[in-house]
């Protein structure tokens, strides 16, 4: 029976996870995300203070800056600050000419199964009756102690 050959390769030290991911082209999306995050942090101080907390740089697509906002109100405010955003982007070395704003809802849309006909805080008739009965009991207790 032959003896097993020992491994001739030297022991290697493991790479940190981030270094391993970033070492080849599979790390390109991660590198791009980190680059966009760094640009977002550079552009944020150039925004009006109320707007800086309500929008985020989502992409740089050629000569377009793409911002993501939560609602149509903030969409309009970013559009009004377009010239300021372009100037700020050019000051950090980007060659942009246009700002695109996309609105993404912060909360998922409500289910159509939820009955919302009487408003978001509608209560049933049984709940109304229970509350009336409890209130009547409290009034009886107050009148008997007086």
C-alpha atoms as a PDB file:
ATOM      1  CA  UNK A   1       0.000   0.000   0.000  1.00  0.00           C
ATOM      2  CA  UNK A   2       1.434   3.397  -0.902  1.00  0.00           C
ATOM      3  CA  UNK A   3       1.681   6.231   1.566  1.00  0.00           C
ATOM      4  CA  UNK A   4      -0.395   9.398   0.937  1.00  0.00           C
ATOM      5  CA  UNK A   5       1.589  12.299  -0.435  1.00  0.00           C
ATOM      6  CA  UNK A   6       1.787  15.308   1.802  1.00  0.00           C
ATOM      7  CA  UNK A   7       0.664  18.643   0.478  1.00  0.00           C
ATOM      8  CA  UNK A   8       3.621  20.582  -0.861  1.00  0.00           C
ATOM      9  CA  UNK A   9       1.846  23.920  -0.907  1.00  0.00           C
ATOM     10  CA  UNK A  10       2.588  26.313   1.923  1.00  0.00           C
ATOM     11  CA  UNK A  11      -0.118  27.289   4.397  1.00  0.00           C
ATOM     12  CA  UNK A  12      -1.845  30.480   3.335  1.00  0.00           C
ATOM     13  CA  UNK A  13      -3.570  33.060   5.451  1.00  0.00           C
ATOM     14  CA  UNK A  14      -7.229  33.659   4.686  1.00  0.00           C
ATOM     15  CA  UNK A  15      -8.215  36.926   3.012  1.00  0.00           C
ATOM     16  CA  UNK A  16     -10.669  39.216   4.749  1.00  0.00           C
ATOM     17  CA  UNK A  17     -14.129  38.784   3.218  1.00  0.00           C
ATOM     18  CA  UNK A  18     -14.304  42.261   1.670  1.00  0.00           C
ATOM     19  CA  UNK A  19     -10.879  41.849   0.045  1.00  0.00           C
ATOM     20  CA  UNK A  20     -11.921  38.476  -1.354  1.00  0.00           C
ATOM     21  CA  UNK A  21     -15.094  39.888  -2.892  1.00  0.00           C
ATOM     22  CA  UNK A  22     -13.378  42.950  -4.305  1.00  0.00           C
ATOM     23  CA  UNK A  23     -10.446  41.030  -5.812  1.00  0.00           C
ATOM     24  CA  UNK A  24     -12.075  40.146  -9.135  1.00  0.00           C
ATOM     25  CA  UNK A  25     -14.752  41.496 -11.420  1.00  0.00           C
ATOM     26  CA  UNK A  26     -17.573  39.970  -9.370  1.00  0.00           C
ATOM     27  CA  UNK A  27     -16.923  42.848  -6.975  1.00  0.00           C
ATOM     28  CA  UNK A  28     -17.827  45.475  -9.588  1.00  0.00           C
ATOM     29  CA  UNK A  29     -21.409  46.026  -8.337  1.00  0.00           C
ATOM     30  CA  UNK A  30     -20.105  46.427  -4.801  1.00  0.00           C
ATOM     31  CA  UNK A  31     -17.399  48.852  -5.942  1.00  0.00           C
ATOM     32  CA  UNK A  32     -20.047  50.877  -7.814  1.00  0.00           C
ATOM     33  CA  UNK A  33     -22.340  50.935  -4.789  1.00  0.00           C
ATOM     34  CA  UNK A  34     -19.496  52.178  -2.591  1.00  0.00           C
ATOM     35  CA  UNK A  35     -18.610  54.830  -5.199  1.00  0.00           C
ATOM     36  CA  UNK A  36     -22.243  56.019  -5.366  1.00  0.00           C
ATOM     37  CA  UNK A  37     -22.426  56.142  -1.580  1.00  0.00           C
ATOM     38  CA  UNK A  38     -19.259  58.267  -1.465  1.00  0.00           C
ATOM     39  CA  UNK A  39     -20.710  60.637  -4.110  1.00  0.00           C
ATOM     40  CA  UNK A  40     -23.955  60.868  -2.161  1.00  0.00           C
ATOM     41  CA  UNK A  41     -22.003  61.898   0.954  1.00  0.00           C
ATOM     42  CA  UNK A  42     -20.112  64.525  -1.088  1.00  0.00           C
ATOM     43  CA  UNK A  43     -23.267  65.994  -2.660  1.00  0.00           C
ATOM     44  CA  UNK A  44     -25.434  65.985   0.482  1.00  0.00           C
ATOM     45  CA  UNK A  45     -23.784  69.074   2.096  1.00  0.00           C
ATOM     46  CA  UNK A  46     -24.571  71.077  -1.067  1.00  0.00           C
ATOM     47  CA  UNK A  47     -28.310  70.421  -0.750  1.00  0.00           C
ATOM     48  CA  UNK A  48     -30.722  72.615   1.190  1.00  0.00           C
ATOM     49  CA  UNK A  49     -30.908  71.194   4.752  1.00  0.00           C
ATOM     50  CA  UNK A  50     -34.543  70.053   4.494  1.00  0.00           C
ATOM     51  CA  UNK A  51     -33.856  68.298   1.203  1.00  0.00           C
ATOM     52  CA  UNK A  52     -30.630  66.617   2.321  1.00  0.00           C
ATOM     53  CA  UNK A  53     -32.528  64.269   4.634  1.00  0.00           C
ATOM     54  CA  UNK A  54     -35.244  63.441   2.110  1.00  0.00           C
ATOM     55  CA  UNK A  55     -33.361  62.334  -0.996  1.00  0.00           C
ATOM     56  CA  UNK A  56     -30.543  59.998  -1.916  1.00  0.00           C
ATOM     57  CA  UNK A  57     -28.274  59.736  -4.928  1.00  0.00           C
ATOM     58  CA  UNK A  58     -29.343  56.501  -6.628  1.00  0.00           C
ATOM     59  CA  UNK A  59     -27.204  56.513  -9.767  1.00  0.00           C
ATOM     60  CA  UNK A  60     -24.994  58.463 -12.104  1.00  0.00           C
ATOM     61  CA  UNK A  61     -26.054  57.494 -15.614  1.00  0.00           C
ATOM     62  CA  UNK A  62     -23.825  59.223 -18.134  1.00  0.00           C
ATOM     63  CA  UNK A  63     -24.583  62.916 -17.800  1.00  0.00           C
ATOM     64  CA  UNK A  64     -27.579  62.321 -15.528  1.00  0.00           C
ATOM     65  CA  UNK A  65     -27.693  62.366 -11.755  1.00  0.00           C
ATOM     66  CA  UNK A  66     -30.511  60.132 -10.559  1.00  0.00           C
ATOM     67  CA  UNK A  67     -31.993  60.935  -7.145  1.00  0.00           C
ATOM     68  CA  UNK A  68     -34.509  58.879  -5.221  1.00  0.00           C
ATOM     69  CA  UNK A  69     -37.156  60.568  -3.046  1.00  0.00           C
ATOM     70  CA  UNK A  70     -40.085  59.343  -0.925  1.00  0.00           C
ATOM     71  CA  UNK A  71     -42.963  61.434  -2.211  1.00  0.00           C
ATOM     72  CA  UNK A  72     -44.071  63.768  -5.002  1.00  0.00           C
ATOM     73  CA  UNK A  73     -43.542  66.796  -2.744  1.00  0.00           C
ATOM     74  CA  UNK A  74     -39.840  66.007  -2.376  1.00  0.00           C
ATOM     75  CA  UNK A  75     -39.698  65.162  -6.086  1.00  0.00           C
ATOM     76  CA  UNK A  76     -40.766  68.725  -6.880  1.00  0.00           C
ATOM     77  CA  UNK A  77     -38.300  70.210  -4.402  1.00  0.00           C
ATOM     78  CA  UNK A  78     -35.384  68.284  -5.922  1.00  0.00           C
ATOM     79  CA  UNK A  79     -36.454  69.477  -9.382  1.00  0.00           C
ATOM     80  CA  UNK A  80     -36.382  73.061  -8.094  1.00  0.00           C
ATOM     81  CA  UNK A  81     -32.828  72.513  -6.774  1.00  0.00           C
ATOM     82  CA  UNK A  82     -31.634  70.992 -10.090  1.00  0.00           C
ATOM     83  CA  UNK A  83     -29.233  73.821 -10.989  1.00  0.00           C
ATOM     84  CA  UNK A  84     -27.723  73.751  -7.509  1.00  0.00           C
ATOM     85  CA  UNK A  85     -27.239  69.957  -7.742  1.00  0.00           C
ATOM     86  CA  UNK A  86     -25.593  70.187 -11.163  1.00  0.00           C
ATOM     87  CA  UNK A  87     -23.199  72.865  -9.900  1.00  0.00           C
ATOM     88  CA  UNK A  88     -22.345  70.756  -6.839  1.00  0.00           C
ATOM     89  CA  UNK A  89     -21.746  67.660  -8.988  1.00  0.00           C
ATOM     90  CA  UNK A  90     -19.504  69.605 -11.335  1.00  0.00           C
ATOM     91  CA  UNK A  91     -17.545  70.960  -8.362  1.00  0.00           C
ATOM     92  CA  UNK A  92     -16.591  67.385  -7.382  1.00  0.00           C
ATOM     93  CA  UNK A  93     -15.573  66.439 -10.932  1.00  0.00           C
ATOM     94  CA  UNK A  94     -18.712  64.938 -12.491  1.00  0.00           C
ATOM     95  CA  UNK A  95     -19.710  66.055 -15.983  1.00  0.00           C
ATOM     96  CA  UNK A  96     -23.474  66.116 -15.498  1.00  0.00           C
ATOM     97  CA  UNK A  97     -26.056  68.148 -17.374  1.00  0.00           C
ATOM     98  CA  UNK A  98     -29.360  66.830 -16.046  1.00  0.00           C
ATOM     99  CA  UNK A  99     -31.001  65.639 -12.833  1.00  0.00           C
ATOM    100  CA  UNK A 100     -33.518  62.832 -12.924  1.00  0.00           C
ATOM    101  CA  UNK A 101     -35.724  62.300  -9.879  1.00  0.00           C
ATOM    102  CA  UNK A 102     -37.568  59.088  -9.130  1.00  0.00           C
ATOM    103  CA  UNK A 103     -40.208  58.662  -6.466  1.00  0.00           C
ATOM    104  CA  UNK A 104     -40.319  55.434  -4.492  1.00  0.00           C
ATOM    105  CA  UNK A 105     -42.922  54.906  -1.804  1.00  0.00           C
ATOM    106  CA  UNK A 106     -41.428  54.435   1.651  1.00  0.00           C
ATOM    107  CA  UNK A 107     -44.221  52.093   2.696  1.00  0.00           C
ATOM    108  CA  UNK A 108     -45.660  49.273   0.608  1.00  0.00           C
ATOM    109  CA  UNK A 109     -49.074  49.946  -0.913  1.00  0.00           C
ATOM    110  CA  UNK A 110     -52.064  48.986   1.222  1.00  0.00           C
ATOM    111  CA  UNK A 111     -53.778  45.700   0.546  1.00  0.00           C
ATOM    112  CA  UNK A 112     -57.133  46.016  -1.251  1.00  0.00           C
ATOM    113  CA  UNK A 113     -58.489  43.493   1.254  1.00  0.00           C
ATOM    114  CA  UNK A 114     -58.343  46.139   4.006  1.00  0.00           C
ATOM    115  CA  UNK A 115     -61.688  47.898   4.267  1.00  0.00           C
ATOM    116  CA  UNK A 116     -60.870  51.589   4.370  1.00  0.00           C
ATOM    117  CA  UNK A 117     -64.292  53.056   3.522  1.00  0.00           C
ATOM    118  CA  UNK A 118     -64.770  54.804   6.864  1.00  0.00           C
ATOM    119  CA  UNK A 119     -61.222  56.058   7.181  1.00  0.00           C
ATOM    120  CA  UNK A 120     -58.101  54.459   8.599  1.00  0.00           C
ATOM    121  CA  UNK A 121     -59.432  54.407  12.176  1.00  0.00           C
ATOM    122  CA  UNK A 122     -62.930  53.047  11.538  1.00  0.00           C
ATOM    123  CA  UNK A 123     -64.346  50.901  14.333  1.00  0.00           C
ATOM    124  CA  UNK A 124     -67.137  48.372  14.248  1.00  0.00           C
ATOM    125  CA  UNK A 125     -70.642  48.829  15.670  1.00  0.00           C
ATOM    126  CA  UNK A 126     -69.842  46.296  18.398  1.00  0.00           C
ATOM    127  CA  UNK A 127     -66.859  48.388  19.474  1.00  0.00           C
ATOM    128  CA  UNK A 128     -69.056  51.507  19.618  1.00  0.00           C
ATOM    129  CA  UNK A 129     -71.629  49.680  21.760  1.00  0.00           C
ATOM    130  CA  UNK A 130     -68.914  48.380  24.109  1.00  0.00           C
ATOM    131  CA  UNK A 131     -67.436  51.840  24.530  1.00  0.00           C
ATOM    132  CA  UNK A 132     -70.885  53.379  25.209  1.00  0.00           C
ATOM    133  CA  UNK A 133     -71.614  50.697  27.843  1.00  0.00           C
ATOM    134  CA  UNK A 134     -68.241  51.248  29.534  1.00  0.00           C
ATOM    135  CA  UNK A 135     -68.796  55.013  29.578  1.00  0.00           C
ATOM    136  CA  UNK A 136     -72.273  54.521  31.071  1.00  0.00           C
ATOM    137  CA  UNK A 137     -70.796  52.338  33.833  1.00  0.00           C
ATOM    138  CA  UNK A 138     -68.228  55.021  34.634  1.00  0.00           C
ATOM    139  CA  UNK A 139     -70.953  57.696  34.818  1.00  0.00           C
ATOM    140  CA  UNK A 140     -72.956  55.456  37.223  1.00  0.00           C
ATOM    141  CA  UNK A 141     -69.890  55.064  39.485  1.00  0.00           C
ATOM    142  CA  UNK A 142     -69.216  58.842  39.481  1.00  0.00           C
ATOM    143  CA  UNK A 143     -72.845  59.720  40.335  1.00  0.00           C
ATOM    144  CA  UNK A 144     -73.026  57.184  43.197  1.00  0.00           C
ATOM    145  CA  UNK A 145     -69.823  58.474  44.868  1.00  0.00           C
ATOM    146  CA  UNK A 146     -70.965  62.110  44.758  1.00  0.00           C
END
